[in-house]
Protein backbone atom coordinates (compact mmCIF):
# COMPACT_ATOMS: atom_id res chain seq x y z
CA UNK A 1 0.00 0.00 0.00
CA UNK A 2 1.48 3.33 -1.08
CA UNK A 3 3.19 5.10 -3.95
CA UNK A 4 6.43 6.64 -2.70
CA UNK A 5 10.13 5.90 -2.58
CA UNK A 6 9.68 3.96 0.65
CA UNK A 7 7.11 1.71 -1.01
CA UNK A 8 9.34 1.21 -4.07
CA UNK A 9 12.16 0.08 -1.77
CA UNK A 10 9.82 -2.30 0.09
CA UNK A 11 8.46 -3.74 -3.17
CA UNK A 12 12.00 -4.18 -4.52
CA UNK A 13 13.00 -6.08 -1.39
CA UNK A 14 9.79 -8.12 -1.05
CA UNK A 15 10.11 -9.20 -4.69
CA UNK A 16 13.35 -10.99 -3.73
CA UNK A 17 11.64 -13.25 -1.16
CA UNK A 18 11.33 -16.97 -1.98
CA UNK A 19 8.14 -16.96 0.10
CA UNK A 20 6.43 -14.53 -2.29
CA UNK A 21 3.85 -15.88 -4.75
CA UNK A 22 2.64 -12.65 -6.33
CA UNK A 23 2.99 -8.96 -5.52
CA UNK A 24 0.40 -6.24 -6.03
CA UNK A 25 0.61 -2.52 -5.27
CA UNK A 26 -2.11 0.02 -4.49
CA UNK A 27 -1.63 2.45 -6.13
CA UNK A 28 2.10 1.98 -6.82
CA UNK A 29 4.18 4.06 -9.24
CA UNK A 30 6.17 3.38 -12.45
CA UNK A 31 9.16 2.13 -10.44
CA UNK A 32 7.05 -0.19 -8.29
CA UNK A 33 5.47 -1.51 -11.51
CA UNK A 34 8.82 -3.19 -12.27
CA UNK A 35 8.19 -5.53 -9.31
CA UNK A 36 4.42 -5.61 -8.80
CA UNK A 37 1.09 -5.27 -10.58
CA UNK A 38 -0.25 -1.79 -9.80
CA UNK A 39 -3.94 -1.09 -9.20
CA UNK A 40 -5.88 2.14 -8.82
CA UNK A 41 -7.85 1.64 -5.59
CA UNK A 42 -8.28 4.50 -3.06
CA UNK A 43 -6.23 3.97 0.11
CA UNK A 44 -9.15 5.38 2.09
CA UNK A 45 -11.72 2.85 0.80
CA UNK A 46 -11.33 -0.05 3.22
CA UNK A 47 -14.17 -2.08 1.73
CA UNK A 48 -12.72 -1.79 -1.78
CA UNK A 49 -9.28 -2.85 -0.54
CA UNK A 50 -10.73 -5.90 1.24
CA UNK A 51 -12.69 -6.80 -1.90
CA UNK A 52 -9.52 -6.45 -3.96
CA UNK A 53 -7.63 -8.75 -1.59
CA UNK A 54 -10.34 -11.39 -1.86
CA UNK A 55 -10.51 -11.13 -5.65
CA UNK A 56 -6.73 -11.51 -6.00
CA UNK A 57 -6.26 -14.06 -3.18
CA UNK A 58 -4.08 -11.64 -1.22
CA UNK A 59 -3.33 -13.03 2.24
CA UNK A 60 -0.85 -10.44 3.53
CA UNK A 61 -0.78 -6.64 3.20
CA UNK A 62 2.17 -4.30 3.87
CA UNK A 63 1.02 -0.76 4.66
CA UNK A 64 3.75 1.70 3.70
CA UNK A 65 2.58 5.23 4.63
CA UNK A 66 1.30 6.53 7.93
CA UNK A 67 -2.10 7.94 6.94
CA UNK A 68 -3.80 4.56 6.29
CA UNK A 69 -2.45 3.27 9.62
CA UNK A 70 -3.87 6.23 11.53
CA UNK A 71 -7.09 5.74 9.54
CA UNK A 72 -7.41 2.16 10.88
CA UNK A 73 -6.86 0.22 7.65
CA UNK A 74 -4.92 -2.49 9.49
CA UNK A 75 -7.87 -3.08 11.83
CA UNK A 76 -10.28 -3.41 8.89
CA UNK A 77 -8.00 -5.91 7.13
CA UNK A 78 -7.41 -8.00 10.25
CA UNK A 79 -11.15 -8.08 10.95
CA UNK A 80 -11.56 -9.50 7.44
CA UNK A 81 -9.03 -12.24 8.19
CA UNK A 82 -6.21 -10.72 6.12
CA UNK A 83 -2.71 -10.56 7.58
CA UNK A 84 -1.13 -7.12 7.92
CA UNK A 85 2.28 -5.61 8.57
CA UNK A 86 1.48 -2.42 10.43
CA UNK A 87 0.10 -1.34 13.82
CA UNK A 88 -3.54 -0.96 14.78
CA UNK A 89 -5.21 2.44 14.69
CA UNK A 90 -4.89 2.70 18.47
CA UNK A 91 -1.18 1.86 18.40
CA UNK A 92 -0.54 4.17 15.42
CA UNK A 93 -1.36 7.08 17.73
CA UNK A 94 2.36 6.97 18.54
CA UNK A 95 2.73 8.81 15.24
CA UNK A 96 -0.74 10.24 14.79
CA UNK A 97 -0.68 12.25 18.03
CA UNK A 98 2.49 13.83 19.36
CA UNK A 99 0.64 14.60 22.57
CA UNK A 100 -0.27 10.91 23.01
CA UNK A 101 3.39 9.96 22.68
CA UNK A 102 4.61 12.64 25.08
CA UNK A 103 2.05 11.54 27.66
CA UNK A 104 3.23 7.92 27.23
CA UNK A 105 6.82 9.07 27.82
CA UNK A 106 5.79 10.84 31.01
CA UNK A 107 3.83 7.81 32.23
CA UNK A 108 6.59 5.27 31.46
CA UNK A 109 9.55 7.53 32.46
CA UNK A 110 10.99 7.56 28.95
CA UNK A 111 13.66 10.24 28.42
CA UNK A 112 12.35 13.02 26.17
CA UNK A 113 12.22 16.80 26.01
CA UNK A 114 10.14 18.70 28.59
CA UNK A 115 6.81 19.69 27.03
CA UNK A 116 3.32 21.11 27.37
CA UNK A 117 0.22 20.32 25.31
CA UNK A 118 -1.86 23.32 24.23
CA UNK A 119 -5.22 23.53 22.47
CA UNK A 120 -5.70 27.28 21.95
CA UNK A 121 -3.63 30.29 21.02
CA UNK A 122 -3.85 31.98 24.42
CA UNK A 123 -2.51 28.97 26.33
CA UNK A 124 0.21 28.50 23.71
CA UNK A 125 1.37 32.09 24.11
CA UNK A 126 1.30 31.77 27.89
CA UNK A 127 3.37 28.58 27.83
CA UNK A 128 5.91 30.13 25.47
CA UNK A 129 6.31 33.12 27.74
CA UNK A 130 6.38 31.15 30.99
CA UNK A 131 8.13 27.83 30.38
CA UNK A 132 10.41 27.84 27.35
CA UNK A 133 13.48 29.86 26.41
CA UNK A 134 14.46 30.28 22.75
CA UNK A 135 15.14 28.26 20.72
CA UNK A 136 11.95 26.26 21.23
CA UNK A 137 10.35 23.39 19.30
CA UNK A 138 6.71 23.69 18.24
CA UNK A 139 4.86 20.69 16.79
CA UNK A 140 1.40 20.52 15.29
CA UNK A 141 -0.38 17.59 16.95
CA UNK A 142 -1.28 15.30 14.07
CA UNK A 143 0.09 13.95 10.81
CA UNK A 144 2.09 16.53 8.90
CA UNK A 145 4.13 14.46 6.39
CA UNK A 146 7.35 15.28 8.22
CA UNK A 147 6.79 19.03 7.93
CA UNK A 148 4.74 19.92 11.01
CA UNK A 149 7.70 20.83 13.22
CA UNK A 150 9.19 24.30 13.71
CA UNK A 151 12.47 24.85 15.51
CA UNK A 152 11.91 28.48 16.41
CA UNK A 153 15.20 30.28 16.97
CA UNK A 154 13.57 33.67 17.61
CA UNK A 155 10.46 35.06 19.26
CA UNK A 156 8.98 36.03 15.89
CA UNK A 157 9.42 32.47 14.56
CA UNK A 158 7.78 31.00 17.66
CA UNK A 159 4.77 33.32 17.46
CA UNK A 160 4.36 32.67 13.73
CA UNK A 161 4.45 28.89 14.29
CA UNK A 162 1.72 28.85 16.92
CA UNK A 163 -0.38 31.33 14.94
CA UNK A 164 -0.25 29.00 11.92
CA UNK A 165 -1.36 26.01 14.00
CA UNK A 166 -4.28 27.83 15.61
CA UNK A 167 -5.48 29.81 12.58
CA UNK A 168 -8.15 27.12 12.10
CA UNK A 169 -10.49 25.79 14.82
CA UNK A 170 -9.49 22.53 16.43
CA UNK A 171 -5.74 23.04 16.27
CA UNK A 172 -3.58 21.42 18.93
CA UNK A 173 0.14 21.64 19.53
CA UNK A 174 3.01 20.35 21.63
CA UNK A 175 5.60 22.89 22.75
CA UNK A 176 8.92 21.33 23.67
CA UNK A 177 12.26 22.14 25.16
CA UNK A 178 14.99 22.45 22.51
CA UNK A 179 17.45 19.57 22.82
CA UNK A 180 21.13 19.93 22.00
CA UNK A 181 22.86 17.06 20.21
CA UNK A 182 22.91 15.08 17.01
CA UNK A 183 19.88 13.25 15.65
CA UNK A 184 19.76 9.59 14.63
CA UNK A 185 17.01 7.18 13.70
CA UNK A 186 16.61 3.70 15.20
CA UNK A 187 14.27 1.07 13.72
CA UNK A 188 12.94 -2.00 15.50
CA UNK A 189 10.34 -4.62 14.69
CA UNK A 190 7.80 -5.29 17.43
CA UNK A 191 5.25 -8.10 17.58
CA UNK A 192 3.48 -6.52 20.55
CA UNK A 193 5.76 -8.10 23.15
CA UNK A 194 9.19 -8.72 21.65
CA UNK A 195 11.46 -6.44 19.66
CA UNK A 196 14.10 -7.00 17.01
CA UNK A 197 16.41 -4.10 15.99
CA UNK A 198 16.42 -3.56 12.23
CA UNK A 199 18.99 -0.85 11.64
CA UNK A 200 19.89 2.78 12.16
CA UNK A 201 20.09 5.77 9.85
CA UNK A 202 20.65 9.50 9.80
CA UNK A 203 18.25 11.72 7.87
CA UNK A 204 18.65 15.24 6.44
CA UNK A 205 15.42 17.17 6.96
CA UNK A 206 16.32 20.68 5.83
CA UNK A 207 15.94 21.48 2.15
CA UNK A 208 19.32 23.19 1.66
CA UNK A 209 22.99 22.31 1.91
CA UNK A 210 24.44 22.69 5.38
CA UNK A 211 21.02 21.95 6.89
CA UNK A 212 19.54 25.29 5.89
CA UNK A 213 16.03 26.27 4.86
CA UNK A 214 12.67 24.79 5.82
CA UNK A 215 12.04 21.23 6.98
CA UNK A 216 11.03 18.66 4.38
CA UNK A 217 9.98 15.03 4.41
CA UNK A 218 13.68 14.22 4.04
CA UNK A 219 16.31 15.12 1.43
CA UNK A 220 18.63 12.16 1.96
CA UNK A 221 19.89 9.63 4.48
CA UNK A 222 22.60 7.09 5.18
CA UNK A 223 22.78 3.84 7.12
CA UNK A 224 24.15 2.77 9.50
CA UNK A 225 24.53 5.90 11.61
CA UNK A 226 27.98 5.60 13.25
CA UNK A 227 27.04 8.29 15.76
CA UNK A 228 24.56 5.79 17.24
CA UNK A 229 27.22 3.51 18.66
CA UNK A 230 26.34 -0.03 19.83
CA UNK A 231 26.46 1.26 23.41
CA UNK A 232 24.08 4.16 22.68
CA UNK A 233 21.77 1.86 20.70
CA UNK A 234 21.60 -0.56 23.63
CA UNK A 235 20.85 2.36 25.97
CA UNK A 236 18.10 3.64 23.67
CA UNK A 237 16.51 0.20 23.47
CA UNK A 238 16.59 -0.26 27.25
CA UNK A 239 15.38 3.22 28.23
CA UNK A 240 13.12 4.17 25.29
CA UNK A 241 12.03 1.26 23.06
CA UNK A 242 11.39 -1.47 25.64
CA UNK A 243 9.38 0.79 28.00
CA UNK A 244 7.32 1.97 25.01
CA UNK A 245 6.45 -1.54 23.83
CA UNK A 246 5.70 -2.64 27.40
CA UNK A 247 3.63 0.49 28.08
CA UNK A 248 1.59 0.07 24.91
CA UNK A 249 0.86 -3.57 25.78
CA UNK A 250 -0.07 -2.62 29.34
CA UNK A 251 -2.52 -0.02 28.00
CA UNK A 252 -4.25 -2.67 25.84
CA UNK A 253 -2.88 -1.26 22.58
CA UNK A 254 0.01 -3.63 21.73
CA UNK A 255 2.28 -2.38 18.96
CA UNK A 256 2.89 -4.67 15.98
CA UNK A 257 4.99 -3.51 13.04
CA UNK A 258 8.06 -1.38 12.58
CA UNK A 259 8.66 1.27 15.23
CA UNK A 260 10.84 4.17 14.09
CA UNK A 261 12.35 6.21 16.90
CA UNK A 262 13.77 9.64 16.14
CA UNK A 263 16.47 10.15 18.76
CA UNK A 264 18.50 13.11 19.98
CA UNK A 265 21.89 12.03 21.28
CA UNK A 266 22.34 14.48 24.14
CA UNK A 267 25.17 14.83 26.62
CA UNK A 268 23.10 12.82 29.11
CA UNK A 269 22.18 10.03 26.67
CA UNK A 270 19.57 9.35 23.97
CA UNK A 271 16.24 11.11 24.26
CA UNK A 272 13.13 10.48 22.17
CA UNK A 273 12.19 13.22 19.72
CA UNK A 274 9.25 11.41 18.14
CA UNK A 275 7.95 8.06 16.95
CA UNK A 276 6.82 7.03 13.50
CA UNK A 277 4.62 3.99 12.98
CA UNK A 278 6.22 2.92 9.68
CA UNK A 279 9.55 2.87 7.90
CA UNK A 280 10.99 6.30 7.26
CA UNK A 281 11.31 7.83 3.81
CA UNK A 282 14.12 8.03 2.69
CA UNK A 283 15.57 5.92 5.53
CA UNK A 284 13.76 2.82 4.24
CA UNK A 285 15.69 3.03 0.98
CA UNK A 286 19.09 2.76 2.67
CA UNK A 287 17.91 0.09 5.11
CA UNK A 288 16.54 -2.12 2.33
CA UNK A 289 19.73 -1.79 0.30
CA UNK A 290 21.75 -3.10 3.27
CA UNK A 291 19.31 -5.76 4.50
CA UNK A 292 20.39 -9.29 3.56
CA UNK A 293 17.56 -11.03 5.42
CA UNK A 294 14.25 -12.07 3.80
CA UNK A 295 12.02 -9.05 4.46
CA UNK A 296 8.77 -10.94 3.93
CA UNK A 297 9.85 -13.60 6.42
CA UNK A 298 10.52 -10.90 9.04
CA UNK A 299 7.17 -9.23 8.39
CA UNK A 300 5.24 -12.50 8.65
CA UNK A 301 7.01 -13.31 11.92
CA UNK A 302 6.09 -9.87 13.25
CA UNK A 303 2.39 -10.38 12.50
CA UNK A 304 2.46 -13.92 13.93
CA UNK A 305 4.06 -12.79 17.23
CA UNK A 306 7.14 -14.92 16.58
CA UNK A 307 10.03 -12.47 16.99
CA UNK A 308 11.22 -13.91 20.31
CA UNK A 309 13.12 -16.75 18.67
CA UNK A 310 14.40 -14.82 15.67
CA UNK A 311 18.09 -14.00 15.26
CA UNK A 312 19.07 -10.41 14.52
CA UNK A 313 18.49 -9.56 10.85
CA UNK A 314 21.57 -9.77 8.63
CA UNK A 315 22.94 -6.56 7.14
CA UNK A 316 25.74 -5.99 4.66
CA UNK A 317 28.92 -4.39 5.96
CA UNK A 318 28.80 -1.46 3.54
CA UNK A 319 27.22 1.93 4.13
CA UNK A 320 24.21 2.88 2.01
CA UNK A 321 23.46 6.52 1.17
CA UNK A 322 20.48 8.00 -0.68
CA UNK A 323 20.10 11.40 -2.30
CA UNK A 324 16.58 12.70 -2.89
CA UNK A 325 15.99 14.48 -6.18
CA UNK A 326 13.03 16.80 -5.67
CA UNK A 327 10.95 18.98 -7.97
CA UNK A 328 11.78 22.68 -7.97
CA UNK A 329 10.00 24.73 -5.27
CA UNK A 330 9.70 21.76 -2.89
CA UNK A 331 8.75 21.83 0.02
CA UNK A 332 6.42 24.53 -1.29
CA UNK A 333 4.25 23.87 -4.35
CA UNK A 334 6.47 21.62 -6.48
CA UNK A 335 6.91 22.07 -10.22
CA UNK A 336 5.41 18.84 -11.54
CA UNK A 337 5.34 17.47 -15.08
CA UNK A 338 9.07 17.80 -15.75
CA UNK A 339 10.59 15.03 -17.87
CA UNK A 340 13.10 12.60 -16.35
CA UNK A 341 15.61 10.49 -18.26
CA UNK A 342 18.93 8.77 -17.66
CA UNK A 343 17.72 6.24 -15.09
CA UNK A 344 19.32 3.38 -17.04
CA UNK A 345 22.63 5.27 -17.01
CA UNK A 346 22.28 5.74 -13.25
CA UNK A 347 21.61 2.00 -12.84
CA UNK A 348 24.83 1.25 -14.75
CA UNK A 349 26.82 3.03 -12.03
CA UNK A 350 25.66 0.31 -9.61
CA UNK A 351 23.12 2.52 -7.82
CA UNK A 352 19.45 1.76 -7.18
CA UNK A 353 17.05 4.53 -8.19
CA UNK A 354 13.85 4.30 -6.16
CA UNK A 355 10.97 6.26 -7.63
CA UNK A 356 8.74 8.39 -5.41
CA UNK A 357 6.71 11.17 -7.05
CA UNK A 358 6.65 9.90 -10.64
CA UNK A 359 4.11 9.01 -13.33
CA UNK A 360 4.17 8.12 -16.99
CA UNK A 361 3.11 10.71 -19.59
CA UNK A 362 2.88 8.50 -22.63
CA UNK A 363 6.34 6.97 -22.88
CA UNK A 364 7.98 9.70 -20.79
CA UNK A 365 8.65 9.48 -17.06
CA UNK A 366 7.70 12.79 -15.41
CA UNK A 367 7.70 14.34 -11.96
CA UNK A 368 4.38 13.99 -10.13
CA UNK A 369 5.23 15.14 -6.60
CA UNK A 370 7.66 16.99 -4.37
CA UNK A 371 10.21 14.27 -3.73
CA UNK A 372 10.65 12.49 -7.05
CA UNK A 373 13.61 10.07 -6.93
CA UNK A 374 15.78 8.52 -4.21
CA UNK A 375 19.16 7.72 -5.74
CA UNK A 376 20.77 5.12 -3.49
CA UNK A 377 24.25 3.59 -3.52
CA UNK A 378 26.71 1.78 -1.25
CA UNK A 379 30.36 2.13 -0.32
CA UNK A 380 32.86 0.97 2.26
CA UNK A 381 32.52 4.34 4.03
CA UNK A 382 30.02 7.18 4.07
CA UNK A 383 32.42 9.14 1.86
CA UNK A 384 32.55 6.37 -0.74
CA UNK A 385 28.78 5.80 -0.63
CA UNK A 386 28.26 9.55 -1.07
CA UNK A 387 30.56 9.61 -4.11
CA UNK A 388 28.76 6.64 -5.65
CA UNK A 389 25.32 8.16 -5.09
CA UNK A 390 26.28 11.48 -6.67
CA UNK A 391 27.80 9.71 -9.68
CA UNK A 392 24.37 8.22 -10.26
CA UNK A 393 22.63 11.55 -9.62
CA UNK A 394 24.82 13.18 -12.24
CA UNK A 395 23.84 10.50 -14.78
CA UNK A 396 20.15 11.51 -14.48
CA UNK A 397 18.65 14.26 -16.65
CA UNK A 398 15.95 16.04 -14.62
CA UNK A 399 16.03 19.74 -15.56
CA UNK A 400 13.12 20.73 -13.28
CA UNK A 401 14.63 18.92 -10.29
CA UNK A 402 17.23 19.67 -7.65
CA UNK A 403 19.00 17.94 -4.78
CA UNK A 404 21.28 18.68 -1.87
CA UNK A 405 24.95 18.08 -2.68
CA UNK A 406 26.08 17.35 0.88
CA UNK A 407 24.14 14.29 2.09
CA UNK A 408 26.24 12.60 4.78
CA UNK A 409 28.30 15.73 5.37
CA UNK A 410 28.73 15.35 9.13
CA UNK A 411 30.06 11.81 8.86
CA UNK A 412 32.20 12.65 5.83
CA UNK A 413 33.84 15.38 7.91
CA UNK A 414 34.44 12.93 10.74
CA UNK A 415 35.96 10.42 8.34
CA UNK A 416 38.38 13.15 7.25
CA UNK A 417 39.28 13.74 10.88
CA UNK A 418 37.73 17.22 10.93
């Protein structure tokens, strides 16, 4: 289920499973169509999706994006006797409501930034004045496609952020303490009781080189994230992941699926920034390129509650790095319709080009969204993976597109000893 770069990476990996009989995608994209039969069924029409599964003898569904999870699609499918990889609607609140997650952290003593929940402009202004110095983090409470967070460095930015959230009735927000440190992403599979780590990554949210400009859904990533050392990963699992899974089970909303923890590595240890209830995009692309284990086998074990006896998934030793090629004006209103060519030349460099916002216009591949391609390559180091990815980027002709030229820059600097 889904049509982005994350879903292309999942389809590419699932297609390699010996346990797979046939693969379908709703709605898919031209890249996914290389691995699956694509079908135009609305993601919001649960009855139509169930009918499709019955018509095509589909016994297992992988839900890629967050919106169908928060909408309860997994519950509808399970009620119809169809297996699902993805949490229930109640458990997907970990992503669907930032306030829900912060309250869980408080209840289970999970390290995170100090916060307040606000539901009107007056209380938001009072909390900003009373409790939080600048910079301050302001989050719209709800799904925002990775773009609902403002790190307000000044008073004007803070006031503008809360005004935007409360300009329409029903707005809610979480105001948080600004945490110092470096971010990293940790992914685990959970069957409701047991967990199985499935890799780390580091994302690049800002649109411009040097982490400048507005936040986006993600302009690139690499995996693994060396900054998340084995010791820090073990600490994050013990203090953040395990209490979350236990707390969700205790509350009667067990979490089954992939749990994506955005972490801040502070001077006092890892702290939770936020949870996502699905694989990240573009983090999924780098994880799938490194994963040597059968993805379908892992997903079936997750749904069956059989992770306790599973060994850790196998990953290749190389680093994977992905560069997102976006349509001009993203993350504003993207310039769609631009022609794309040179993907075969990019493939010849050894890279994998995962398609995100694309469609066919006759025989021509064109941009159909903000983030259009995720050009992904491997190397022995982040520096080598970066060089390989940009060789593939430079083989692609996408005149109405752009990309950052510095994905992996922090780790590249560390590898140089800077």
